Amino acid sequence: MEMIIVSGFLGAGKTSVILSLAHYLARGAGDADPKRTGPRVALVENEIGDVAYDESLLAQSGFYVKNMLSGCICCTLNADLITTLRDIAERIGPAYVVFEPTGLAFPGRIVASVREFVGALNSARIIAVLDVERFDALLKVSPQLVSAQLADADAILINKADMASADALRDIASMVKSINARAICFETVATDGIPDAVWEEIFQDA
């Protein structure tokens, strides 16, 4: 089971990104297990997103959805997440579990704790969603948190790219690279869907 954390502040477009990602993964990326009978993708939500999950519709599409809205996974890992992941691994055994933490989460700390306590986890990766409209303001207000979310990421989606000029996008991309030079970056408009080519590059090593 691979864990994918989609990080970013509320309103950045995380839920739209997750829905696109889940549909991509459900079509067969990275899973050649002929014995799998349950959902390929489990979604775990710890924040009310910008687009609501329709659980019945997602279930029909082959997804399992778990909401964890009673607690907040921020600086430290909530024990409920460990329990939830273990339960999902034992009862469902999906190829992927996609987790949307709150905008205040440090995803690198979550990955470190999960790897220690969830034996069924084969790998973990982090996708950061950056809101171009609020990036400068958030960086000024919460520089440590924003920088940590970007620094921990394996892939960064510079989202709402249609709302910024070409010069602004270049400046943001340059700043992102100064924080995390190893991550692959893409300009996206999540509400229009994420092209499969983006996901294919992110999961090319799957």
N, C-alpha and C. Protein backbone atom coordinates (compact mmCIF):
# COMPACT_ATOMS: atom_id res chain seq x y z
N MET A 1 0.84 -1.19 0.00
CA MET A 1 0.00 0.00 0.00
C MET A 1 0.88 1.24 0.00
N GLU A 2 0.62 2.14 -0.94
CA GLU A 2 1.36 3.40 -1.00
C GLU A 2 0.49 4.52 -0.46
N MET A 3 1.09 5.37 0.37
CA MET A 3 0.38 6.53 0.90
C MET A 3 0.78 7.77 0.13
N ILE A 4 -0.22 8.56 -0.25
CA ILE A 4 0.02 9.82 -0.93
C ILE A 4 -0.63 10.92 -0.11
N ILE A 5 0.16 11.86 0.37
CA ILE A 5 -0.35 12.99 1.12
C ILE A 5 -0.46 14.19 0.19
N VAL A 6 -1.64 14.78 0.13
CA VAL A 6 -1.84 15.99 -0.67
C VAL A 6 -1.96 17.16 0.30
N SER A 7 -0.91 17.98 0.37
CA SER A 7 -0.85 19.04 1.35
C SER A 7 -1.14 20.40 0.72
N GLY A 8 -1.40 21.38 1.58
CA GLY A 8 -1.69 22.73 1.11
C GLY A 8 -2.75 23.36 1.98
N PHE A 9 -2.86 24.68 1.91
CA PHE A 9 -3.82 25.39 2.74
C PHE A 9 -5.23 25.22 2.20
N LEU A 10 -6.21 25.38 3.08
CA LEU A 10 -7.61 25.30 2.70
C LEU A 10 -7.90 26.31 1.58
N GLY A 11 -8.56 25.83 0.54
CA GLY A 11 -8.89 26.70 -0.58
C GLY A 11 -7.88 26.66 -1.71
N ALA A 12 -6.79 25.92 -1.53
CA ALA A 12 -5.76 25.85 -2.57
C ALA A 12 -6.19 24.98 -3.75
N GLY A 13 -7.20 24.15 -3.52
CA GLY A 13 -7.66 23.24 -4.58
C GLY A 13 -7.30 21.80 -4.35
N LYS A 14 -6.97 21.44 -3.09
CA LYS A 14 -6.54 20.08 -2.79
C LYS A 14 -7.57 19.03 -3.16
N THR A 15 -8.83 19.30 -2.83
CA THR A 15 -9.85 18.28 -3.06
C THR A 15 -10.07 18.04 -4.55
N SER A 16 -10.03 19.10 -5.34
CA SER A 16 -10.12 18.94 -6.79
C SER A 16 -8.95 18.12 -7.31
N VAL A 17 -7.76 18.38 -6.77
CA VAL A 17 -6.58 17.61 -7.16
C VAL A 17 -6.76 16.14 -6.78
N ILE A 18 -7.25 15.90 -5.57
CA ILE A 18 -7.42 14.52 -5.09
C ILE A 18 -8.42 13.75 -5.94
N LEU A 19 -9.51 14.38 -6.32
CA LEU A 19 -10.49 13.69 -7.15
C LEU A 19 -9.89 13.30 -8.49
N SER A 20 -9.12 14.19 -9.09
CA SER A 20 -8.44 13.87 -10.34
C SER A 20 -7.44 12.74 -10.14
N LEU A 21 -6.67 12.83 -9.06
CA LEU A 21 -5.68 11.80 -8.75
C LEU A 21 -6.34 10.45 -8.52
N ALA A 22 -7.41 10.43 -7.75
CA ALA A 22 -8.08 9.16 -7.44
C ALA A 22 -8.61 8.49 -8.70
N HIS A 23 -9.18 9.27 -9.59
CA HIS A 23 -9.69 8.69 -10.84
C HIS A 23 -8.54 8.14 -11.69
N TYR A 24 -7.41 8.85 -11.69
CA TYR A 24 -6.25 8.36 -12.43
C TYR A 24 -5.74 7.03 -11.85
N LEU A 25 -5.59 6.98 -10.53
CA LEU A 25 -5.09 5.77 -9.89
C LEU A 25 -6.05 4.60 -10.05
N ALA A 26 -7.35 4.89 -10.02
CA ALA A 26 -8.35 3.83 -10.12
C ALA A 26 -8.35 3.16 -11.48
N ARG A 27 -7.77 3.83 -12.47
CA ARG A 27 -7.72 3.24 -13.81
C ARG A 27 -6.59 2.25 -13.98
N GLY A 28 -5.76 2.08 -12.93
CA GLY A 28 -4.79 1.01 -13.00
C GLY A 28 -3.34 1.38 -12.87
N ALA A 29 -3.01 2.64 -12.57
CA ALA A 29 -1.61 3.04 -12.47
C ALA A 29 -0.90 2.30 -11.35
N GLY A 30 0.20 1.66 -11.69
CA GLY A 30 1.10 1.12 -10.68
C GLY A 30 0.62 -0.08 -9.89
N ASP A 31 -0.41 -0.77 -10.35
CA ASP A 31 -0.90 -1.91 -9.57
C ASP A 31 -1.18 -3.08 -10.49
N ALA A 32 -0.38 -4.13 -10.36
CA ALA A 32 -0.55 -5.30 -11.22
C ALA A 32 -0.99 -6.52 -10.42
N ASP A 33 -1.64 -6.29 -9.29
CA ASP A 33 -2.07 -7.38 -8.43
C ASP A 33 -3.37 -7.99 -8.96
N PRO A 34 -3.33 -9.19 -9.55
CA PRO A 34 -4.54 -9.78 -10.12
C PRO A 34 -5.51 -10.28 -9.06
N LYS A 35 -5.07 -10.37 -7.80
CA LYS A 35 -5.92 -10.90 -6.74
C LYS A 35 -6.74 -9.80 -6.05
N ARG A 36 -6.49 -8.53 -6.40
CA ARG A 36 -7.18 -7.45 -5.71
C ARG A 36 -8.65 -7.45 -6.08
N THR A 37 -9.51 -7.46 -5.06
CA THR A 37 -10.96 -7.47 -5.29
C THR A 37 -11.64 -6.22 -4.74
N GLY A 38 -11.03 -5.56 -3.78
CA GLY A 38 -11.62 -4.37 -3.17
C GLY A 38 -11.23 -3.11 -3.91
N PRO A 39 -11.59 -1.95 -3.36
CA PRO A 39 -11.24 -0.68 -3.98
C PRO A 39 -9.73 -0.52 -4.13
N ARG A 40 -9.31 0.03 -5.26
CA ARG A 40 -7.88 0.27 -5.49
C ARG A 40 -7.40 1.49 -4.71
N VAL A 41 -8.32 2.41 -4.44
CA VAL A 41 -7.95 3.70 -3.85
C VAL A 41 -8.82 3.98 -2.63
N ALA A 42 -8.18 4.33 -1.51
CA ALA A 42 -8.90 4.78 -0.32
C ALA A 42 -8.57 6.25 -0.10
N LEU A 43 -9.58 7.04 0.20
CA LEU A 43 -9.40 8.47 0.45
C LEU A 43 -9.65 8.75 1.92
N VAL A 44 -8.72 9.42 2.57
CA VAL A 44 -8.87 9.79 3.98
C VAL A 44 -8.80 11.31 4.06
N GLU A 45 -9.83 11.91 4.62
CA GLU A 45 -9.93 13.36 4.66
C GLU A 45 -9.91 13.86 6.09
N ASN A 46 -9.07 14.88 6.35
CA ASN A 46 -9.01 15.49 7.67
C ASN A 46 -9.34 16.98 7.61
N GLU A 47 -9.90 17.40 6.47
CA GLU A 47 -10.27 18.80 6.32
C GLU A 47 -11.46 18.89 5.38
N ILE A 48 -12.39 19.80 5.66
CA ILE A 48 -13.50 20.04 4.76
C ILE A 48 -12.96 20.77 3.55
N GLY A 49 -12.97 20.11 2.40
CA GLY A 49 -12.33 20.66 1.22
C GLY A 49 -13.17 21.68 0.49
N ASP A 50 -12.58 22.21 -0.61
CA ASP A 50 -13.27 23.20 -1.41
C ASP A 50 -14.33 22.58 -2.30
N VAL A 51 -14.24 21.27 -2.49
CA VAL A 51 -15.26 20.52 -3.23
C VAL A 51 -15.63 19.31 -2.38
N ALA A 52 -16.90 19.13 -2.07
CA ALA A 52 -17.31 18.05 -1.17
C ALA A 52 -17.19 16.69 -1.85
N TYR A 53 -16.77 15.71 -1.08
CA TYR A 53 -16.76 14.34 -1.58
C TYR A 53 -18.19 13.82 -1.62
N ASP A 54 -18.58 13.22 -2.72
CA ASP A 54 -19.85 12.50 -2.80
C ASP A 54 -19.50 11.03 -2.57
N GLU A 55 -19.65 10.59 -1.31
CA GLU A 55 -19.16 9.27 -0.94
C GLU A 55 -19.84 8.14 -1.71
N SER A 56 -21.13 8.23 -1.95
CA SER A 56 -21.81 7.16 -2.67
C SER A 56 -21.33 7.08 -4.11
N LEU A 57 -21.12 8.25 -4.73
CA LEU A 57 -20.63 8.26 -6.11
C LEU A 57 -19.21 7.73 -6.18
N LEU A 58 -18.38 8.13 -5.23
CA LEU A 58 -17.00 7.66 -5.22
C LEU A 58 -16.94 6.16 -4.98
N ALA A 59 -17.81 5.65 -4.13
CA ALA A 59 -17.85 4.21 -3.87
C ALA A 59 -18.18 3.44 -5.15
N GLN A 60 -19.10 3.99 -5.94
CA GLN A 60 -19.46 3.35 -7.20
C GLN A 60 -18.29 3.36 -8.18
N SER A 61 -17.40 4.33 -8.02
CA SER A 61 -16.24 4.43 -8.90
C SER A 61 -15.06 3.59 -8.42
N GLY A 62 -15.25 2.89 -7.31
CA GLY A 62 -14.19 2.01 -6.81
C GLY A 62 -13.33 2.63 -5.74
N PHE A 63 -13.82 3.69 -5.04
CA PHE A 63 -13.06 4.33 -3.98
C PHE A 63 -13.70 4.02 -2.62
N TYR A 64 -12.85 4.01 -1.61
CA TYR A 64 -13.31 3.94 -0.23
C TYR A 64 -12.99 5.28 0.40
N VAL A 65 -13.97 5.89 1.10
CA VAL A 65 -13.79 7.22 1.68
C VAL A 65 -13.94 7.16 3.19
N LYS A 66 -12.98 7.78 3.90
CA LYS A 66 -13.03 7.87 5.35
C LYS A 66 -12.79 9.31 5.75
N ASN A 67 -13.74 9.89 6.49
CA ASN A 67 -13.59 11.25 7.00
C ASN A 67 -13.09 11.22 8.44
N MET A 68 -12.16 12.11 8.75
CA MET A 68 -11.62 12.23 10.11
C MET A 68 -11.76 13.68 10.54
N LEU A 69 -12.98 14.18 10.53
CA LEU A 69 -13.20 15.60 10.78
C LEU A 69 -13.26 15.95 12.26
N SER A 70 -13.22 14.94 13.12
CA SER A 70 -13.31 15.23 14.55
C SER A 70 -11.99 15.65 15.16
N GLY A 71 -10.91 15.36 14.47
CA GLY A 71 -9.60 15.70 15.01
C GLY A 71 -8.78 16.46 13.99
N CYS A 72 -7.65 17.00 14.45
CA CYS A 72 -6.79 17.78 13.56
C CYS A 72 -5.38 17.21 13.61
N ILE A 73 -4.85 16.86 12.45
CA ILE A 73 -3.49 16.36 12.37
C ILE A 73 -2.63 17.53 11.93
N CYS A 74 -1.96 18.16 12.88
CA CYS A 74 -1.20 19.36 12.57
C CYS A 74 0.28 19.11 12.79
N CYS A 75 0.80 19.53 13.92
CA CYS A 75 2.24 19.39 14.15
C CYS A 75 2.64 17.97 14.52
N THR A 76 1.76 17.25 15.18
CA THR A 76 2.05 15.86 15.53
C THR A 76 0.98 14.96 14.94
N LEU A 77 1.31 13.69 14.86
CA LEU A 77 0.41 12.74 14.23
C LEU A 77 -0.69 12.31 15.19
N ASN A 78 -1.92 12.41 14.76
CA ASN A 78 -3.05 11.96 15.55
C ASN A 78 -3.10 10.44 15.51
N ALA A 79 -3.27 9.82 16.68
CA ALA A 79 -3.31 8.35 16.74
C ALA A 79 -4.43 7.78 15.91
N ASP A 80 -5.49 8.57 15.69
CA ASP A 80 -6.61 8.08 14.87
C ASP A 80 -6.17 7.76 13.45
N LEU A 81 -5.20 8.49 12.93
CA LEU A 81 -4.74 8.22 11.57
C LEU A 81 -4.05 6.87 11.50
N ILE A 82 -3.23 6.56 12.52
CA ILE A 82 -2.57 5.25 12.57
C ILE A 82 -3.61 4.15 12.57
N THR A 83 -4.62 4.30 13.45
CA THR A 83 -5.68 3.29 13.54
C THR A 83 -6.43 3.17 12.23
N THR A 84 -6.73 4.31 11.61
CA THR A 84 -7.47 4.30 10.34
C THR A 84 -6.67 3.60 9.24
N LEU A 85 -5.39 3.90 9.14
CA LEU A 85 -4.57 3.28 8.09
C LEU A 85 -4.42 1.78 8.30
N ARG A 86 -4.25 1.38 9.55
CA ARG A 86 -4.15 -0.06 9.83
C ARG A 86 -5.44 -0.77 9.47
N ASP A 87 -6.57 -0.13 9.81
CA ASP A 87 -7.87 -0.72 9.51
C ASP A 87 -8.08 -0.83 8.00
N ILE A 88 -7.72 0.22 7.27
CA ILE A 88 -7.86 0.20 5.82
C ILE A 88 -6.98 -0.88 5.20
N ALA A 89 -5.76 -1.00 5.69
CA ALA A 89 -4.84 -2.02 5.16
C ALA A 89 -5.36 -3.43 5.39
N GLU A 90 -5.92 -3.66 6.59
CA GLU A 90 -6.39 -5.01 6.94
C GLU A 90 -7.70 -5.37 6.26
N ARG A 91 -8.64 -4.41 6.22
CA ARG A 91 -9.97 -4.74 5.71
C ARG A 91 -10.11 -4.56 4.20
N ILE A 92 -9.34 -3.61 3.63
CA ILE A 92 -9.53 -3.27 2.23
C ILE A 92 -8.30 -3.59 1.38
N GLY A 93 -7.13 -3.29 1.93
CA GLY A 93 -5.89 -3.56 1.21
C GLY A 93 -5.79 -2.85 -0.13
N PRO A 94 -6.03 -1.54 -0.20
CA PRO A 94 -5.95 -0.84 -1.48
C PRO A 94 -4.50 -0.69 -1.95
N ALA A 95 -4.34 -0.42 -3.22
CA ALA A 95 -3.00 -0.13 -3.73
C ALA A 95 -2.53 1.22 -3.22
N TYR A 96 -3.48 2.16 -3.08
CA TYR A 96 -3.15 3.52 -2.67
C TYR A 96 -4.11 4.02 -1.60
N VAL A 97 -3.58 4.77 -0.65
CA VAL A 97 -4.41 5.54 0.27
C VAL A 97 -3.99 6.99 0.13
N VAL A 98 -4.94 7.84 -0.23
CA VAL A 98 -4.69 9.26 -0.46
C VAL A 98 -5.22 10.03 0.74
N PHE A 99 -4.35 10.80 1.37
CA PHE A 99 -4.71 11.50 2.60
C PHE A 99 -4.66 13.00 2.39
N GLU A 100 -5.74 13.68 2.76
CA GLU A 100 -5.80 15.15 2.72
C GLU A 100 -5.79 15.67 4.15
N PRO A 101 -4.62 16.13 4.64
CA PRO A 101 -4.56 16.69 6.00
C PRO A 101 -5.05 18.12 6.02
N THR A 102 -5.13 18.71 7.19
CA THR A 102 -5.50 20.12 7.29
C THR A 102 -4.37 20.97 6.71
N GLY A 103 -4.70 22.22 6.42
CA GLY A 103 -3.70 23.12 5.88
C GLY A 103 -2.59 23.46 6.84
N LEU A 104 -2.77 23.10 8.13
CA LEU A 104 -1.76 23.39 9.14
C LEU A 104 -0.80 22.22 9.37
N ALA A 105 -0.91 21.18 8.56
CA ALA A 105 -0.11 19.98 8.78
C ALA A 105 1.30 20.12 8.22
N PHE A 106 2.23 19.44 8.88
CA PHE A 106 3.59 19.28 8.38
C PHE A 106 3.67 17.87 7.79
N PRO A 107 3.53 17.71 6.50
CA PRO A 107 3.41 16.37 5.92
C PRO A 107 4.62 15.48 6.12
N GLY A 108 5.82 16.07 6.18
CA GLY A 108 7.01 15.25 6.41
C GLY A 108 6.97 14.54 7.74
N ARG A 109 6.43 15.20 8.77
CA ARG A 109 6.32 14.58 10.10
C ARG A 109 5.29 13.46 10.08
N ILE A 110 4.23 13.66 9.32
CA ILE A 110 3.21 12.62 9.21
C ILE A 110 3.80 11.38 8.58
N VAL A 111 4.53 11.55 7.49
CA VAL A 111 5.14 10.40 6.80
C VAL A 111 6.08 9.65 7.72
N ALA A 112 6.90 10.38 8.47
CA ALA A 112 7.86 9.73 9.37
C ALA A 112 7.16 8.88 10.42
N SER A 113 6.07 9.40 10.99
CA SER A 113 5.35 8.66 12.03
C SER A 113 4.60 7.48 11.44
N VAL A 114 4.00 7.67 10.29
CA VAL A 114 3.24 6.58 9.67
C VAL A 114 4.15 5.42 9.31
N ARG A 115 5.32 5.72 8.76
CA ARG A 115 6.25 4.67 8.40
C ARG A 115 6.66 3.84 9.61
N GLU A 116 6.71 4.47 10.77
CA GLU A 116 7.12 3.77 11.98
C GLU A 116 6.05 2.84 12.51
N PHE A 117 4.76 3.21 12.34
CA PHE A 117 3.70 2.48 13.00
C PHE A 117 2.77 1.68 12.08
N VAL A 118 2.86 1.88 10.77
CA VAL A 118 1.99 1.15 9.85
C VAL A 118 2.85 0.23 8.99
N GLY A 119 2.87 -1.04 9.36
CA GLY A 119 3.73 -1.99 8.66
C GLY A 119 3.33 -2.27 7.23
N ALA A 120 2.06 -2.06 6.90
CA ALA A 120 1.58 -2.36 5.56
C ALA A 120 1.95 -1.29 4.54
N LEU A 121 2.58 -0.23 5.00
CA LEU A 121 2.92 0.88 4.11
C LEU A 121 4.21 0.57 3.36
N ASN A 122 4.11 0.48 2.03
CA ASN A 122 5.29 0.19 1.21
C ASN A 122 6.09 1.45 0.90
N SER A 123 5.40 2.53 0.67
CA SER A 123 6.07 3.79 0.34
C SER A 123 5.12 4.95 0.61
N ALA A 124 5.68 6.14 0.58
CA ALA A 124 4.87 7.34 0.79
C ALA A 124 5.45 8.48 -0.03
N ARG A 125 4.57 9.29 -0.57
CA ARG A 125 5.03 10.48 -1.29
C ARG A 125 4.10 11.65 -0.97
N ILE A 126 4.61 12.84 -1.17
CA ILE A 126 3.88 14.05 -0.82
C ILE A 126 3.71 14.92 -2.06
N ILE A 127 2.47 15.34 -2.29
CA ILE A 127 2.16 16.28 -3.37
C ILE A 127 1.67 17.56 -2.71
N ALA A 128 2.36 18.67 -2.92
CA ALA A 128 1.97 19.96 -2.35
C ALA A 128 1.20 20.76 -3.39
N VAL A 129 0.09 21.35 -2.94
CA VAL A 129 -0.73 22.19 -3.81
C VAL A 129 -0.55 23.64 -3.38
N LEU A 130 -0.05 24.45 -4.28
CA LEU A 130 0.26 25.85 -4.00
C LEU A 130 -0.79 26.74 -4.66
N ASP A 131 -1.33 27.67 -3.91
CA ASP A 131 -2.35 28.60 -4.40
C ASP A 131 -1.66 29.88 -4.86
N VAL A 132 -1.62 30.12 -6.18
CA VAL A 132 -0.87 31.27 -6.68
C VAL A 132 -1.48 32.60 -6.21
N GLU A 133 -2.78 32.61 -5.96
CA GLU A 133 -3.44 33.85 -5.55
C GLU A 133 -3.04 34.27 -4.14
N ARG A 134 -2.71 33.30 -3.28
CA ARG A 134 -2.42 33.62 -1.87
C ARG A 134 -1.00 33.28 -1.46
N PHE A 135 -0.17 32.84 -2.40
CA PHE A 135 1.15 32.34 -2.05
C PHE A 135 1.99 33.38 -1.33
N ASP A 136 2.09 34.58 -1.87
CA ASP A 136 2.91 35.61 -1.25
C ASP A 136 2.41 35.96 0.15
N ALA A 137 1.08 36.09 0.29
CA ALA A 137 0.51 36.45 1.59
C ALA A 137 0.75 35.35 2.62
N LEU A 138 0.54 34.10 2.22
CA LEU A 138 0.74 32.98 3.15
C LEU A 138 2.21 32.84 3.53
N LEU A 139 3.09 33.08 2.58
CA LEU A 139 4.52 32.98 2.87
C LEU A 139 4.95 34.02 3.88
N LYS A 140 4.32 35.20 3.84
CA LYS A 140 4.64 36.25 4.80
C LYS A 140 4.07 35.94 6.18
N VAL A 141 2.85 35.38 6.21
CA VAL A 141 2.19 35.11 7.48
C VAL A 141 2.74 33.85 8.15
N SER A 142 2.96 32.79 7.36
CA SER A 142 3.41 31.50 7.92
C SER A 142 4.60 30.97 7.12
N PRO A 143 5.72 31.67 7.13
CA PRO A 143 6.85 31.25 6.30
C PRO A 143 7.39 29.87 6.63
N GLN A 144 7.43 29.52 7.92
CA GLN A 144 7.98 28.22 8.30
C GLN A 144 7.10 27.08 7.81
N LEU A 145 5.78 27.24 7.96
CA LEU A 145 4.86 26.19 7.56
C LEU A 145 4.82 26.04 6.05
N VAL A 146 4.70 27.15 5.33
CA VAL A 146 4.66 27.09 3.87
C VAL A 146 5.95 26.49 3.32
N SER A 147 7.07 26.93 3.84
CA SER A 147 8.36 26.42 3.37
C SER A 147 8.51 24.94 3.67
N ALA A 148 8.04 24.50 4.84
CA ALA A 148 8.13 23.09 5.21
C ALA A 148 7.27 22.22 4.30
N GLN A 149 6.05 22.69 4.00
CA GLN A 149 5.17 21.92 3.12
C GLN A 149 5.79 21.76 1.73
N LEU A 150 6.42 22.82 1.24
CA LEU A 150 7.06 22.74 -0.07
C LEU A 150 8.34 21.91 -0.01
N ALA A 151 9.12 22.09 1.05
CA ALA A 151 10.39 21.37 1.16
C ALA A 151 10.19 19.87 1.29
N ASP A 152 9.09 19.45 1.90
CA ASP A 152 8.82 18.03 2.10
C ASP A 152 8.28 17.36 0.84
N ALA A 153 7.83 18.13 -0.13
CA ALA A 153 7.09 17.58 -1.27
C ALA A 153 7.98 16.87 -2.28
N ASP A 154 7.41 15.82 -2.86
CA ASP A 154 8.04 15.14 -3.99
C ASP A 154 7.59 15.76 -5.31
N ALA A 155 6.37 16.33 -5.30
CA ALA A 155 5.83 17.02 -6.46
C ALA A 155 5.06 18.24 -5.98
N ILE A 156 5.11 19.32 -6.74
CA ILE A 156 4.44 20.56 -6.36
C ILE A 156 3.55 21.01 -7.52
N LEU A 157 2.28 21.23 -7.23
CA LEU A 157 1.34 21.73 -8.22
C LEU A 157 1.12 23.21 -7.97
N ILE A 158 1.56 24.05 -8.88
CA ILE A 158 1.34 25.49 -8.79
C ILE A 158 -0.04 25.74 -9.35
N ASN A 159 -1.02 25.75 -8.46
CA ASN A 159 -2.42 25.69 -8.87
C ASN A 159 -3.03 27.07 -9.06
N LYS A 160 -4.16 27.08 -9.78
CA LYS A 160 -4.85 28.31 -10.18
C LYS A 160 -3.96 29.15 -11.09
N ALA A 161 -3.22 28.45 -11.94
CA ALA A 161 -2.26 29.12 -12.81
C ALA A 161 -2.92 30.10 -13.76
N ASP A 162 -4.20 29.91 -14.01
CA ASP A 162 -4.92 30.82 -14.90
C ASP A 162 -5.20 32.17 -14.24
N MET A 163 -4.94 32.27 -12.95
CA MET A 163 -5.22 33.50 -12.22
C MET A 163 -3.97 34.38 -12.05
N ALA A 164 -2.86 33.99 -12.66
CA ALA A 164 -1.62 34.75 -12.51
C ALA A 164 -1.00 35.01 -13.88
N SER A 165 -0.22 36.08 -13.96
CA SER A 165 0.47 36.41 -15.21
C SER A 165 1.66 35.48 -15.41
N ALA A 166 2.18 35.46 -16.62
CA ALA A 166 3.34 34.62 -16.91
C ALA A 166 4.53 35.03 -16.05
N ASP A 167 4.71 36.34 -15.84
CA ASP A 167 5.82 36.81 -15.00
C ASP A 167 5.65 36.35 -13.56
N ALA A 168 4.42 36.44 -13.05
CA ALA A 168 4.16 36.01 -11.67
C ALA A 168 4.41 34.52 -11.51
N LEU A 169 4.00 33.74 -12.48
CA LEU A 169 4.22 32.30 -12.42
C LEU A 169 5.70 31.97 -12.44
N ARG A 170 6.47 32.69 -13.24
CA ARG A 170 7.92 32.46 -13.28
C ARG A 170 8.55 32.80 -11.93
N ASP A 171 8.09 33.90 -11.32
CA ASP A 171 8.64 34.28 -10.01
C ASP A 171 8.32 33.24 -8.95
N ILE A 172 7.08 32.75 -8.97
CA ILE A 172 6.68 31.72 -8.00
C ILE A 172 7.48 30.44 -8.22
N ALA A 173 7.61 30.02 -9.46
CA ALA A 173 8.36 28.80 -9.76
C ALA A 173 9.80 28.92 -9.31
N SER A 174 10.39 30.10 -9.50
CA SER A 174 11.77 30.33 -9.06
C SER A 174 11.88 30.25 -7.54
N MET A 175 10.91 30.82 -6.83
CA MET A 175 10.91 30.79 -5.37
C MET A 175 10.73 29.36 -4.87
N VAL A 176 9.83 28.62 -5.52
CA VAL A 176 9.60 27.23 -5.14
C VAL A 176 10.88 26.42 -5.31
N LYS A 177 11.57 26.61 -6.42
CA LYS A 177 12.80 25.87 -6.67
C LYS A 177 13.89 26.22 -5.66
N SER A 178 13.87 27.45 -5.16
CA SER A 178 14.86 27.84 -4.15
C SER A 178 14.59 27.13 -2.82
N ILE A 179 13.34 26.74 -2.59
CA ILE A 179 12.97 26.03 -1.38
C ILE A 179 13.15 24.52 -1.55
N ASN A 180 12.82 24.02 -2.73
CA ASN A 180 12.89 22.57 -2.97
C ASN A 180 13.27 22.34 -4.43
N ALA A 181 14.56 22.13 -4.67
CA ALA A 181 15.06 21.95 -6.03
C ALA A 181 14.82 20.55 -6.58
N ARG A 182 14.55 19.59 -5.69
CA ARG A 182 14.42 18.20 -6.15
C ARG A 182 13.01 17.86 -6.62
N ALA A 183 12.00 18.60 -6.17
CA ALA A 183 10.61 18.27 -6.51
C ALA A 183 10.33 18.63 -7.96
N ILE A 184 9.46 17.84 -8.59
CA ILE A 184 9.00 18.19 -9.92
C ILE A 184 7.79 19.11 -9.77
N CYS A 185 7.72 20.13 -10.64
CA CYS A 185 6.68 21.16 -10.50
C CYS A 185 5.84 21.25 -11.77
N PHE A 186 4.57 21.55 -11.57
CA PHE A 186 3.64 21.69 -12.68
C PHE A 186 2.72 22.87 -12.42
N GLU A 187 2.39 23.60 -13.46
CA GLU A 187 1.35 24.62 -13.37
C GLU A 187 0.03 23.96 -13.70
N THR A 188 -0.97 24.13 -12.83
CA THR A 188 -2.25 23.43 -13.01
C THR A 188 -3.42 24.36 -12.77
N VAL A 189 -4.56 23.94 -13.29
CA VAL A 189 -5.86 24.53 -12.98
C VAL A 189 -6.74 23.36 -12.58
N ALA A 190 -6.73 23.01 -11.30
CA ALA A 190 -7.33 21.76 -10.84
C ALA A 190 -8.82 21.67 -11.13
N THR A 191 -9.51 22.80 -11.14
CA THR A 191 -10.95 22.75 -11.42
C THR A 191 -11.24 22.33 -12.85
N ASP A 192 -10.25 22.44 -13.72
CA ASP A 192 -10.41 21.97 -15.11
C ASP A 192 -9.92 20.54 -15.28
N GLY A 193 -9.42 19.95 -14.19
CA GLY A 193 -8.87 18.60 -14.25
C GLY A 193 -7.36 18.64 -14.43
N ILE A 194 -6.69 17.60 -13.95
CA ILE A 194 -5.24 17.48 -14.09
C ILE A 194 -4.96 16.51 -15.23
N PRO A 195 -4.21 16.90 -16.24
CA PRO A 195 -3.91 16.01 -17.35
C PRO A 195 -3.22 14.73 -16.88
N ASP A 196 -3.54 13.62 -17.54
CA ASP A 196 -2.90 12.35 -17.18
C ASP A 196 -1.38 12.44 -17.30
N ALA A 197 -0.89 13.25 -18.22
CA ALA A 197 0.56 13.37 -18.41
C ALA A 197 1.25 13.85 -17.13
N VAL A 198 0.57 14.68 -16.36
CA VAL A 198 1.13 15.15 -15.09
C VAL A 198 1.25 13.99 -14.11
N TRP A 199 0.16 13.23 -13.96
CA TRP A 199 0.19 12.10 -13.04
C TRP A 199 1.19 11.04 -13.50
N GLU A 200 1.28 10.84 -14.80
CA GLU A 200 2.22 9.83 -15.31
C GLU A 200 3.66 10.19 -14.95
N GLU A 201 3.99 11.47 -15.01
CA GLU A 201 5.34 11.88 -14.65
C GLU A 201 5.57 11.75 -13.15
N ILE A 202 4.57 12.10 -12.36
CA ILE A 202 4.70 11.99 -10.91
C ILE A 202 4.87 10.53 -10.48
N PHE A 203 4.15 9.62 -11.17
CA PHE A 203 4.17 8.21 -10.78
C PHE A 203 5.01 7.35 -11.73
N GLN A 204 5.94 7.96 -12.43
CA GLN A 204 6.71 7.20 -13.40
C GLN A 204 7.57 6.11 -12.76
N ASP A 205 7.85 6.24 -11.46
CA ASP A 205 8.63 5.22 -10.77
C ASP A 205 7.78 4.22 -10.02
N ALA A 206 6.41 4.32 -10.20
CA ALA A 206 5.50 3.43 -9.46
C ALA A 206 5.56 2.02 -10.01
